[in-house]
Amino acid sequence: MSRTVMCRKLNKELKGLDTPPIPGEIGLEIYNNISEQAWKEWQSQQTMLINEKQLNMMNANDRTFLKEEMNKFFKNEDFEQAEGYVPPTK
């Protein structure tokens, strides 16, 4: 049986992740409060940001930027988006 979480991003009870997606406190926070669906949405957004802004994951500043944008994304705050990207209407 899959576990469910009250997803902070999507504001509804949804299937949770099977394991924390990243190590440490942030990973546990995501595991406990973010659904699998919201995590997949973030992964798509993250990929667009990495590609559009040509981020280098070996660069600490780029990793910090991405972490900050992830926090904004999951808190439903304004976050950086790929130039020209128009999110789908719900």
Protein backbone atom coordinates (compact mmCIF):
# COMPACT_ATOMS: atom_id res chain seq x y z
CA MET A 1 0.00 0.00 0.00
CA SER A 2 1.40 3.41 -0.93
CA ARG A 3 1.67 6.15 1.62
CA THR A 4 -0.12 9.46 1.24
CA VAL A 5 0.76 12.96 2.36
CA MET A 6 -1.12 16.22 2.62
CA CYS A 7 0.81 17.91 -0.17
CA ARG A 8 1.82 21.45 0.75
CA LYS A 9 2.30 22.40 -2.92
CA LEU A 10 -0.98 21.04 -4.32
CA ASN A 11 -3.00 21.37 -1.11
CA LYS A 12 -4.54 17.90 -1.21
CA GLU A 13 -3.97 14.36 0.00
CA LEU A 14 -1.87 12.54 -2.62
CA LYS A 15 0.56 9.65 -3.00
CA GLY A 16 3.81 10.41 -1.20
CA LEU A 17 7.35 9.67 -2.28
CA ASP A 18 8.78 6.22 -1.51
CA THR A 19 12.01 7.65 -0.05
CA PRO A 20 13.40 11.10 0.69
CA PRO A 21 14.51 12.52 -2.70
CA ILE A 22 17.63 14.22 -1.35
CA PRO A 23 19.71 13.73 1.81
CA GLY A 24 19.33 15.71 5.00
CA GLU A 25 16.61 17.79 6.61
CA ILE A 26 15.35 19.20 3.32
CA GLY A 27 14.88 15.69 1.94
CA LEU A 28 12.88 14.66 5.01
CA GLU A 29 10.78 17.82 4.79
CA ILE A 30 9.96 17.04 1.15
CA TYR A 31 9.31 13.37 1.95
CA ASN A 32 6.84 14.29 4.70
CA ASN A 33 5.05 17.21 3.02
CA ILE A 34 5.33 16.96 -0.78
CA SER A 35 3.52 14.50 -3.03
CA GLU A 36 5.08 12.39 -5.74
CA GLN A 37 3.15 14.43 -8.31
CA ALA A 38 4.49 17.78 -6.99
CA TRP A 39 8.04 16.36 -6.89
CA LYS A 40 7.74 15.33 -10.55
CA GLU A 41 6.48 18.82 -11.42
CA TRP A 42 9.53 20.27 -9.64
CA GLN A 43 11.88 17.94 -11.53
CA SER A 44 10.48 19.24 -14.83
CA GLN A 45 10.82 22.83 -13.66
CA GLN A 46 14.34 22.16 -12.39
CA THR A 47 15.38 20.69 -15.74
CA MET A 48 14.06 23.75 -17.57
CA LEU A 49 15.93 26.09 -15.23
CA ILE A 50 19.19 24.16 -15.54
CA ASN A 51 18.95 24.18 -19.32
CA GLU A 52 17.64 27.72 -19.85
CA LYS A 53 20.01 29.38 -17.39
CA GLN A 54 22.89 27.02 -18.25
CA LEU A 55 23.42 26.15 -14.59
CA ASN A 56 26.46 24.11 -13.63
CA MET A 57 25.75 21.74 -10.75
CA MET A 58 29.46 21.76 -9.88
CA ASN A 59 29.07 25.48 -9.03
CA ALA A 60 27.96 26.12 -5.44
CA ASN A 61 26.16 29.37 -6.40
CA ASP A 62 24.11 27.55 -9.05
CA ARG A 63 23.17 24.81 -6.58
CA THR A 64 22.16 27.44 -4.01
CA PHE A 65 20.04 29.23 -6.60
CA LEU A 66 18.28 25.99 -7.52
CA LYS A 67 17.64 25.12 -3.86
CA GLU A 68 16.13 28.57 -3.26
CA GLU A 69 13.88 28.21 -6.31
CA MET A 70 12.80 24.74 -5.15
CA ASN A 71 11.78 26.18 -1.77
CA LYS A 72 9.77 28.94 -3.48
CA PHE A 73 8.15 26.38 -5.81
CA PHE A 74 6.97 24.15 -2.96
CA LYS A 75 5.74 27.13 -0.92
CA ASN A 76 3.71 28.40 -3.92
CA GLU A 77 5.72 31.62 -4.03
CA ASP A 78 6.87 33.32 -7.23
CA PHE A 79 9.82 31.40 -8.65
CA GLU A 80 12.11 31.72 -11.67
CA GLN A 81 10.77 30.17 -14.82
CA ALA A 82 12.36 29.43 -18.14
CA GLU A 83 12.10 32.44 -20.45
CA GLY A 84 9.05 32.19 -22.69
CA TYR A 85 7.54 29.33 -20.64
CA VAL A 86 3.80 29.59 -20.16
CA PRO A 87 2.44 27.21 -17.51
CA PRO A 88 -0.61 25.18 -18.51
CA THR A 89 -3.95 26.47 -17.25
CA LYS A 90 -5.71 24.24 -14.75
